[in-house]
Amino acid sequence: MPDDTSLDEFRLTSIAEVDGLLSRLLNAHALVTLSGPQGHHCTTMLRLVDRARGVVQLDAPRDIRSLQLLLEGGEVVAVSYLDSIKVQFDIDAAMLVGSGDDAVITARLPTVVYRFQRRAAFRVRPFASQSPLASFPHPALPDMQLRLRMLDISLTGVGLLLPANVPPIEPGVRIGHALLRLDDATELEVGLFIHHVTPLAPTGQGIRLGCELRADRQHERTLQLYINQTQKRQLALAANKA
C-alpha cells in the first residue's frame, strides 16, 4: 500500500488497534485472500496472532503449488472483511512451515492495517416476509439453479446466503446474469461479482457471499426506491416499538 496521505483516515498504526482488528478477524473465522503482483492468490484464515513473538500464522491452503508461487513473488497482500468493512495489510517475511495438515504460513506481525468502509451506499436488510431471493445458475455447475436468500443490499452490493449443503463458490467469480426478486412487485436483472465469502457461524448455518452489483441506470433507480422505502419502513417499525 503506497504511503499516501489520502489514506491516513483508513490507516491503523497503534498496537492496540492493529491487535484488536486482527483478533476480530481471528475470532470471526474470517476468510483471508492473499494475492501477489503476478496474479497468484489463495484463500486462508488466521490461525494465530502472537504479539509477544511478533508473528501471525495462517492456515496453509491445499493447493501448495499456488501458495509457493505466491510466496516466491515476494509481495503478498492480505484482504479480508468484517461485515461491510474491508481490512487490508501486507504479509511480510512469509514462509511455509510444516507439511500436510500441520502446514501453516508464518509471517511478521503487521504494524500497519488499513480499515476501509467497503461501500458508501446505505445498506438495508430486506424484510424476510417478502422472500427476497437472487436466482442464477451455479457457476461451477450450470445445471444447478440457485435461489439464494438476500441478507442485505445496497446500491452497489448484495449479501447472499449460500446454504452449507450447496457446493462452494470461490471469490473472484463473475455472474453475468442474475435475477433479484426484492418483493412481489420488484425484480431486477443484474450482474454480480463475488468479492468474498464468509462463514456466518461455526455452527454450519452457511456462507455469506459478498457481491458487487452491476445494474443499468433504470434498475439503479428502482433499487434506490426500494432501499428508501425499506429504510422508511424499518424506521417506522422501530419508532412504534420505542
C-alpha atoms as a PDB file:
ATOM      1  CA  MET A   1       0.000   0.000   0.000  1.00  0.00           C
ATOM      2  CA  PRO A   2       1.556   3.354  -1.027  1.00  0.00           C
ATOM      3  CA  ASP A   3       2.382   5.917   1.664  1.00  0.00           C
ATOM      4  CA  ASP A   4      -0.389   8.246   0.526  1.00  0.00           C
ATOM      5  CA  THR A   5      -1.695  10.906   2.919  1.00  0.00           C
ATOM      6  CA  SER A   6      -5.153  10.450   1.391  1.00  0.00           C
ATOM      7  CA  LEU A   7      -5.248   7.059   3.148  1.00  0.00           C
ATOM      8  CA  ASP A   8      -4.484   8.465   6.601  1.00  0.00           C
ATOM      9  CA  GLU A   9      -8.078   8.186   7.769  1.00  0.00           C
ATOM     10  CA  PHE A  10      -8.045   4.451   6.957  1.00  0.00           C
ATOM     11  CA  ARG A  11      -4.580   3.649   8.336  1.00  0.00           C
ATOM     12  CA  LEU A  12      -4.255   1.999  11.759  1.00  0.00           C
ATOM     13  CA  THR A  13      -0.806   2.004  13.359  1.00  0.00           C
ATOM     14  CA  SER A  14      -1.345   1.795  17.117  1.00  0.00           C
ATOM     15  CA  ILE A  15      -0.578  -1.587  18.661  1.00  0.00           C
ATOM     16  CA  ALA A  16      -3.986  -1.751  20.334  1.00  0.00           C
ATOM     17  CA  GLU A  17      -5.914  -1.027  17.117  1.00  0.00           C
ATOM     18  CA  VAL A  18      -3.872  -3.419  14.969  1.00  0.00           C
ATOM     19  CA  ASP A  19      -4.090  -6.226  17.527  1.00  0.00           C
ATOM     20  CA  GLY A  20      -7.790  -5.603  18.052  1.00  0.00           C
ATOM     21  CA  LEU A  21      -8.633  -5.786  14.364  1.00  0.00           C
ATOM     22  CA  LEU A  22      -6.508  -8.890  13.746  1.00  0.00           C
ATOM     23  CA  SER A  23      -8.080 -10.566  16.774  1.00  0.00           C
ATOM     24  CA  ARG A  24     -11.554  -9.833  15.404  1.00  0.00           C
ATOM     25  CA  LEU A  25     -10.599 -11.479  12.102  1.00  0.00           C
ATOM     26  CA  LEU A  26      -9.227 -14.464  14.022  1.00  0.00           C
ATOM     27  CA  ASN A  27     -12.270 -14.884  16.267  1.00  0.00           C
ATOM     28  CA  ALA A  28     -14.728 -14.425  13.385  1.00  0.00           C
ATOM     29  CA  HIS A  29     -13.002 -17.168  11.353  1.00  0.00           C
ATOM     30  CA  ALA A  30     -12.985 -14.616   8.520  1.00  0.00           C
ATOM     31  CA  LEU A  31     -11.628 -15.762   5.191  1.00  0.00           C
ATOM     32  CA  VAL A  32      -8.419 -14.001   4.154  1.00  0.00           C
ATOM     33  CA  THR A  33      -7.423 -13.691   0.500  1.00  0.00           C
ATOM     34  CA  LEU A  34      -3.673 -13.494  -0.156  1.00  0.00           C
ATOM     35  CA  SER A  35      -2.601 -12.093  -3.514  1.00  0.00           C
ATOM     36  CA  GLY A  36       0.593 -11.059  -5.280  1.00  0.00           C
ATOM     37  CA  PRO A  37       1.580  -8.759  -8.147  1.00  0.00           C
ATOM     38  CA  GLN A  38       1.842 -11.674 -10.599  1.00  0.00           C
ATOM     39  CA  GLY A  39      -1.820 -12.574 -10.090  1.00  0.00           C
ATOM     40  CA  HIS A  40      -1.269 -15.594  -7.846  1.00  0.00           C
ATOM     41  CA  HIS A  41      -3.708 -15.840  -4.946  1.00  0.00           C
ATOM     42  CA  CYS A  42      -5.119 -18.181  -2.338  1.00  0.00           C
ATOM     43  CA  THR A  43      -7.748 -18.139   0.398  1.00  0.00           C
ATOM     44  CA  THR A  44      -6.953 -18.938   4.007  1.00  0.00           C
ATOM     45  CA  MET A  45      -7.768 -17.994   7.619  1.00  0.00           C
ATOM     46  CA  LEU A  46      -5.788 -16.580  10.508  1.00  0.00           C
ATOM     47  CA  ARG A  47      -4.715 -19.268  12.974  1.00  0.00           C
ATOM     48  CA  LEU A  48      -2.612 -17.272  15.451  1.00  0.00           C
ATOM     49  CA  VAL A  49      -1.846 -13.648  16.335  1.00  0.00           C
ATOM     50  CA  ASP A  50       1.195 -13.568  18.648  1.00  0.00           C
ATOM     51  CA  ARG A  51       2.223 -10.083  19.769  1.00  0.00           C
ATOM     52  CA  ALA A  52       4.962 -11.423  22.077  1.00  0.00           C
ATOM     53  CA  ARG A  53       6.751 -13.181  19.215  1.00  0.00           C
ATOM     54  CA  GLY A  54       5.732 -10.609  16.617  1.00  0.00           C
ATOM     55  CA  VAL A  55       4.243 -13.189  14.226  1.00  0.00           C
ATOM     56  CA  VAL A  56       0.976 -14.257  12.673  1.00  0.00           C
ATOM     57  CA  GLN A  57       0.102 -17.706  11.404  1.00  0.00           C
ATOM     58  CA  LEU A  58      -2.401 -18.600   8.705  1.00  0.00           C
ATOM     59  CA  ASP A  59      -3.716 -21.957   7.553  1.00  0.00           C
ATOM     60  CA  ALA A  60      -1.904 -23.295   4.506  1.00  0.00           C
ATOM     61  CA  PRO A  61      -4.271 -23.937   1.566  1.00  0.00           C
ATOM     62  CA  ARG A  62      -4.460 -27.370  -0.015  1.00  0.00           C
ATOM     63  CA  ASP A  63      -3.015 -26.052  -3.277  1.00  0.00           C
ATOM     64  CA  ILE A  64       0.562 -25.801  -2.030  1.00  0.00           C
ATOM     65  CA  ARG A  65       1.943 -25.131  -5.518  1.00  0.00           C
ATOM     66  CA  SER A  66      -0.158 -21.962  -5.893  1.00  0.00           C
ATOM     67  CA  LEU A  67       0.956 -20.872  -2.443  1.00  0.00           C
ATOM     68  CA  GLN A  68       4.623 -21.416  -3.310  1.00  0.00           C
ATOM     69  CA  LEU A  69       4.251 -19.333  -6.480  1.00  0.00           C
ATOM     70  CA  LEU A  70       2.585 -16.616  -4.445  1.00  0.00           C
ATOM     71  CA  LEU A  71       5.328 -16.570  -1.807  1.00  0.00           C
ATOM     72  CA  GLU A  72       8.065 -16.583  -4.443  1.00  0.00           C
ATOM     73  CA  GLY A  73       6.619 -13.355  -5.843  1.00  0.00           C
ATOM     74  CA  GLY A  74       7.939 -11.507  -2.798  1.00  0.00           C
ATOM     75  CA  GLU A  75       4.994  -9.131  -2.228  1.00  0.00           C
ATOM     76  CA  VAL A  76       1.872 -10.526  -0.587  1.00  0.00           C
ATOM     77  CA  VAL A  77      -1.214  -8.533   0.389  1.00  0.00           C
ATOM     78  CA  ALA A  78      -3.952  -9.861   2.658  1.00  0.00           C
ATOM     79  CA  VAL A  79      -7.575  -8.755   2.277  1.00  0.00           C
ATOM     80  CA  SER A  80     -10.483  -9.765   4.481  1.00  0.00           C
ATOM     81  CA  TYR A  81     -13.904  -8.451   5.506  1.00  0.00           C
ATOM     82  CA  LEU A  82     -15.724  -7.831   8.763  1.00  0.00           C
ATOM     83  CA  ASP A  83     -19.371  -7.208   7.872  1.00  0.00           C
ATOM     84  CA  SER A  84     -19.169  -4.286   5.409  1.00  0.00           C
ATOM     85  CA  ILE A  85     -15.612  -3.278   6.339  1.00  0.00           C
ATOM     86  CA  LYS A  86     -12.636  -4.176   4.163  1.00  0.00           C
ATOM     87  CA  VAL A  87      -9.416  -4.939   6.076  1.00  0.00           C
ATOM     88  CA  GLN A  88      -6.076  -4.961   4.250  1.00  0.00           C
ATOM     89  CA  PHE A  89      -2.465  -5.424   5.330  1.00  0.00           C
ATOM     90  CA  ASP A  90       0.872  -6.582   3.940  1.00  0.00           C
ATOM     91  CA  ILE A  91       2.211 -10.072   4.636  1.00  0.00           C
ATOM     92  CA  ASP A  92       5.954  -9.668   5.203  1.00  0.00           C
ATOM     93  CA  ALA A  93       8.612 -12.383   5.557  1.00  0.00           C
ATOM     94  CA  ALA A  94       6.037 -15.071   4.787  1.00  0.00           C
ATOM     95  CA  MET A  95       7.107 -18.700   4.646  1.00  0.00           C
ATOM     96  CA  LEU A  96       5.523 -22.140   4.609  1.00  0.00           C
ATOM     97  CA  VAL A  97       6.269 -24.181   7.723  1.00  0.00           C
ATOM     98  CA  GLY A  98       5.447 -27.870   8.191  1.00  0.00           C
ATOM     99  CA  SER A  99       3.630 -30.192   5.809  1.00  0.00           C
ATOM    100  CA  GLY A 100       0.282 -31.864   5.319  1.00  0.00           C
ATOM    101  CA  ASP A 101      -2.435 -30.962   7.789  1.00  0.00           C
ATOM    102  CA  ASP A 102       0.159 -29.322  10.054  1.00  0.00           C
ATOM    103  CA  ALA A 103       1.377 -26.852   7.402  1.00  0.00           C
ATOM    104  CA  VAL A 104       0.975 -23.155   8.241  1.00  0.00           C
ATOM    105  CA  ILE A 105       2.022 -19.831   6.783  1.00  0.00           C
ATOM    106  CA  THR A 106       4.068 -17.768   9.210  1.00  0.00           C
ATOM    107  CA  ALA A 107       4.717 -14.073   8.703  1.00  0.00           C
ATOM    108  CA  ARG A 108       5.780 -10.949  10.532  1.00  0.00           C
ATOM    109  CA  LEU A 109       3.014  -9.322  12.575  1.00  0.00           C
ATOM    110  CA  PRO A 110       1.837  -6.300  10.551  1.00  0.00           C
ATOM    111  CA  THR A 111       2.468  -2.884  12.053  1.00  0.00           C
ATOM    112  CA  VAL A 112       0.023  -1.134   9.718  1.00  0.00           C
ATOM    113  CA  VAL A 113      -3.516  -2.241   8.880  1.00  0.00           C
ATOM    114  CA  TYR A 114      -5.960  -0.434   6.589  1.00  0.00           C
ATOM    115  CA  ARG A 115      -9.616  -0.426   7.540  1.00  0.00           C
ATOM    116  CA  PHE A 116     -11.836   0.684   4.631  1.00  0.00           C
ATOM    117  CA  GLN A 117     -15.546   1.267   4.614  1.00  0.00           C
ATOM    118  CA  ARG A 118     -16.451  -1.188   1.878  1.00  0.00           C
ATOM    119  CA  ARG A 119     -19.303   0.773   0.340  1.00  0.00           C
ATOM    120  CA  ALA A 120     -20.761   4.211   0.930  1.00  0.00           C
ATOM    121  CA  ALA A 121     -24.306   3.405  -0.220  1.00  0.00           C
ATOM    122  CA  PHE A 122     -26.825   2.823   2.571  1.00  0.00           C
ATOM    123  CA  ARG A 123     -27.360  -0.864   3.219  1.00  0.00           C
ATOM    124  CA  VAL A 124     -30.662  -2.380   4.331  1.00  0.00           C
ATOM    125  CA  ARG A 125     -31.780  -5.835   5.377  1.00  0.00           C
ATOM    126  CA  PRO A 126     -34.792  -6.859   3.268  1.00  0.00           C
ATOM    127  CA  PHE A 127     -37.879  -7.995   5.150  1.00  0.00           C
ATOM    128  CA  ALA A 128     -37.945 -11.779   5.340  1.00  0.00           C
ATOM    129  CA  SER A 129     -41.708 -11.746   4.768  1.00  0.00           C
ATOM    130  CA  GLN A 130     -41.053 -10.503   1.223  1.00  0.00           C
ATOM    131  CA  SER A 131     -38.887 -13.583   0.489  1.00  0.00           C
ATOM    132  CA  PRO A 132     -36.067 -11.642  -1.255  1.00  0.00           C
ATOM    133  CA  LEU A 133     -34.095 -14.006  -3.489  1.00  0.00           C
ATOM    134  CA  ALA A 134     -31.290 -13.986  -6.050  1.00  0.00           C
ATOM    135  CA  SER A 135     -31.539 -16.598  -8.806  1.00  0.00           C
ATOM    136  CA  PHE A 136     -28.737 -17.728 -11.127  1.00  0.00           C
ATOM    137  CA  PRO A 137     -27.022 -20.940 -12.266  1.00  0.00           C
ATOM    138  CA  HIS A 138     -24.216 -22.228 -10.069  1.00  0.00           C
ATOM    139  CA  PRO A 139     -21.016 -21.001 -11.806  1.00  0.00           C
ATOM    140  CA  ALA A 140     -19.328 -24.403 -11.451  1.00  0.00           C
ATOM    141  CA  LEU A 141     -22.471 -26.487 -12.079  1.00  0.00           C
ATOM    142  CA  PRO A 142     -24.576 -24.782 -14.789  1.00  0.00           C
ATOM    143  CA  ASP A 143     -27.381 -27.340 -14.451  1.00  0.00           C
ATOM    144  CA  MET A 144     -27.888 -26.354 -10.805  1.00  0.00           C
ATOM    145  CA  GLN A 145     -30.186 -23.337 -10.476  1.00  0.00           C
ATOM    146  CA  LEU A 146     -29.580 -21.424  -7.251  1.00  0.00           C
ATOM    147  CA  ARG A 147     -32.204 -19.399  -5.391  1.00  0.00           C
ATOM    148  CA  LEU A 148     -30.308 -17.685  -2.571  1.00  0.00           C
ATOM    149  CA  ARG A 149     -31.836 -15.627   0.211  1.00  0.00           C
ATOM    150  CA  MET A 150     -30.770 -11.981   0.335  1.00  0.00           C
ATOM    151  CA  LEU A 151     -29.194 -10.945   3.648  1.00  0.00           C
ATOM    152  CA  ASP A 152     -28.617  -7.268   2.845  1.00  0.00           C
ATOM    153  CA  ILE A 153     -28.487  -4.954  -0.137  1.00  0.00           C
ATOM    154  CA  SER A 154     -27.219  -1.516  -1.134  1.00  0.00           C
ATOM    155  CA  LEU A 155     -26.913   0.357  -4.406  1.00  0.00           C
ATOM    156  CA  THR A 156     -23.533  -1.245  -5.014  1.00  0.00           C
ATOM    157  CA  GLY A 157     -23.636  -4.636  -3.335  1.00  0.00           C
ATOM    158  CA  VAL A 158     -25.678  -7.513  -2.009  1.00  0.00           C
ATOM    159  CA  GLY A 159     -25.078 -10.198   0.601  1.00  0.00           C
ATOM    160  CA  LEU A 160     -26.411 -13.665  -0.230  1.00  0.00           C
ATOM    161  CA  LEU A 161     -26.792 -16.774   1.917  1.00  0.00           C
ATOM    162  CA  LEU A 162     -25.204 -19.880   0.396  1.00  0.00           C
ATOM    163  CA  PRO A 163     -26.525 -22.916   2.342  1.00  0.00           C
ATOM    164  CA  ALA A 164     -23.956 -25.291   3.799  1.00  0.00           C
ATOM    165  CA  ASN A 165     -25.181 -28.181   1.618  1.00  0.00           C
ATOM    166  CA  VAL A 166     -24.581 -26.297  -1.660  1.00  0.00           C
ATOM    167  CA  PRO A 167     -21.223 -26.655  -3.481  1.00  0.00           C
ATOM    168  CA  PRO A 168     -18.978 -23.661  -2.646  1.00  0.00           C
ATOM    169  CA  ILE A 169     -18.453 -20.619  -4.846  1.00  0.00           C
ATOM    170  CA  GLU A 170     -14.995 -19.054  -4.880  1.00  0.00           C
ATOM    171  CA  PRO A 171     -14.169 -15.328  -4.564  1.00  0.00           C
ATOM    172  CA  GLY A 172     -13.497 -13.621  -7.886  1.00  0.00           C
ATOM    173  CA  VAL A 173     -16.333 -15.375  -9.750  1.00  0.00           C
ATOM    174  CA  ARG A 174     -18.445 -13.243 -12.096  1.00  0.00           C
ATOM    175  CA  ILE A 175     -22.129 -13.959 -12.599  1.00  0.00           C
ATOM    176  CA  GLY A 176     -23.199 -12.426 -15.906  1.00  0.00           C
ATOM    177  CA  HIS A 177     -26.953 -12.610 -15.374  1.00  0.00           C
ATOM    178  CA  ALA A 178     -28.786 -12.884 -12.060  1.00  0.00           C
ATOM    179  CA  LEU A 179     -32.396 -12.153 -11.198  1.00  0.00           C
ATOM    180  CA  LEU A 180     -33.025 -10.321  -7.936  1.00  0.00           C
ATOM    181  CA  ARG A 181     -36.560 -10.680  -6.603  1.00  0.00           C
ATOM    182  CA  LEU A 182     -36.857  -7.998  -3.913  1.00  0.00           C
ATOM    183  CA  ASP A 183     -40.609  -8.356  -3.376  1.00  0.00           C
ATOM    184  CA  ASP A 184     -43.712  -9.380  -5.309  1.00  0.00           C
ATOM    185  CA  ALA A 185     -43.534  -6.214  -7.427  1.00  0.00           C
ATOM    186  CA  THR A 186     -39.775  -5.692  -7.837  1.00  0.00           C
ATOM    187  CA  GLU A 187     -37.422  -7.815  -9.922  1.00  0.00           C
ATOM    188  CA  LEU A 188     -34.056  -6.720 -11.311  1.00  0.00           C
ATOM    189  CA  GLU A 189     -31.673  -8.320 -13.798  1.00  0.00           C
ATOM    190  CA  VAL A 190     -28.102  -7.617 -12.697  1.00  0.00           C
ATOM    191  CA  GLY A 191     -24.527  -8.838 -12.949  1.00  0.00           C
ATOM    192  CA  LEU A 192     -22.683  -9.990  -9.833  1.00  0.00           C
ATOM    193  CA  PHE A 193     -19.018 -10.114  -8.895  1.00  0.00           C
ATOM    194  CA  ILE A 194     -18.295 -12.200  -5.804  1.00  0.00           C
ATOM    195  CA  HIS A 195     -15.715 -10.348  -3.734  1.00  0.00           C
ATOM    196  CA  HIS A 196     -15.562 -12.568  -0.669  1.00  0.00           C
ATOM    197  CA  VAL A 197     -17.152 -15.480   1.162  1.00  0.00           C
ATOM    198  CA  THR A 198     -17.568 -15.511   4.932  1.00  0.00           C
ATOM    199  CA  PRO A 199     -18.814 -18.316   7.206  1.00  0.00           C
ATOM    200  CA  LEU A 200     -21.821 -16.980   9.120  1.00  0.00           C
ATOM    201  CA  ALA A 201     -21.025 -19.040  12.194  1.00  0.00           C
ATOM    202  CA  PRO A 202     -19.059 -22.123  13.192  1.00  0.00           C
ATOM    203  CA  THR A 203     -22.417 -23.900  13.623  1.00  0.00           C
ATOM    204  CA  GLY A 204     -22.702 -24.547   9.879  1.00  0.00           C
ATOM    205  CA  GLN A 205     -25.506 -22.107   9.056  1.00  0.00           C
ATOM    206  CA  GLY A 206     -23.983 -21.389   5.675  1.00  0.00           C
ATOM    207  CA  ILE A 207     -21.780 -18.897   3.861  1.00  0.00           C
ATOM    208  CA  ARG A 208     -22.327 -15.202   3.185  1.00  0.00           C
ATOM    209  CA  LEU A 209     -21.431 -14.234  -0.393  1.00  0.00           C
ATOM    210  CA  GLY A 210     -20.439 -10.576  -0.557  1.00  0.00           C
ATOM    211  CA  CYS A 211     -21.232  -9.492  -4.118  1.00  0.00           C
ATOM    212  CA  GLU A 212     -20.778  -6.330  -6.123  1.00  0.00           C
ATOM    213  CA  LEU A 213     -23.900  -5.334  -8.057  1.00  0.00           C
ATOM    214  CA  ARG A 214     -23.764  -4.275 -11.691  1.00  0.00           C
ATOM    215  CA  ALA A 215     -27.018  -2.842 -12.958  1.00  0.00           C
ATOM    216  CA  ASP A 216     -28.153  -0.367 -15.611  1.00  0.00           C
ATOM    217  CA  ARG A 217     -29.391   3.093 -14.638  1.00  0.00           C
ATOM    218  CA  GLN A 218     -33.069   2.165 -14.762  1.00  0.00           C
ATOM    219  CA  HIS A 219     -32.504  -0.697 -12.348  1.00  0.00           C
ATOM    220  CA  GLU A 220     -30.356   1.555 -10.136  1.00  0.00           C
ATOM    221  CA  ARG A 221     -33.302   3.951  -9.793  1.00  0.00           C
ATOM    222  CA  THR A 222     -35.623   1.049  -8.955  1.00  0.00           C
ATOM    223  CA  LEU A 223     -33.145  -0.234  -6.390  1.00  0.00           C
ATOM    224  CA  GLN A 224     -32.740   3.216  -4.834  1.00  0.00           C
ATOM    225  CA  LEU A 225     -36.510   3.497  -4.444  1.00  0.00           C
ATOM    226  CA  TYR A 226     -36.661   0.052  -2.853  1.00  0.00           C
ATOM    227  CA  ILE A 227     -33.851   0.910  -0.404  1.00  0.00           C
ATOM    228  CA  ASN A 228     -35.510   4.206   0.550  1.00  0.00           C
ATOM    229  CA  GLN A 229     -38.886   2.570   1.125  1.00  0.00           C
ATOM    230  CA  THR A 230     -37.350  -0.273   3.129  1.00  0.00           C
ATOM    231  CA  GLN A 231     -35.397   2.166   5.291  1.00  0.00           C
ATOM    232  CA  LYS A 232     -38.510   4.269   5.980  1.00  0.00           C
ATOM    233  CA  ARG A 233     -40.498   1.181   6.919  1.00  0.00           C
ATOM    234  CA  GLN A 234     -37.776  -0.075   9.248  1.00  0.00           C
ATOM    235  CA  LEU A 235     -37.538   3.324  10.959  1.00  0.00           C
ATOM    236  CA  ALA A 236     -41.318   3.431  11.373  1.00  0.00           C
ATOM    237  CA  LEU A 237     -41.374  -0.043  12.932  1.00  0.00           C
ATOM    238  CA  ALA A 238     -38.519   0.892  15.275  1.00  0.00           C
ATOM    239  CA  ALA A 239     -40.366   4.067  16.324  1.00  0.00           C
ATOM    240  CA  ASN A 240     -43.557   2.098  17.085  1.00  0.00           C
ATOM    241  CA  LYS A 241     -41.613  -0.279  19.317  1.00  0.00           C
ATOM    242  CA  ALA A 242     -39.956   2.556  21.252  1.00  0.00           C
END
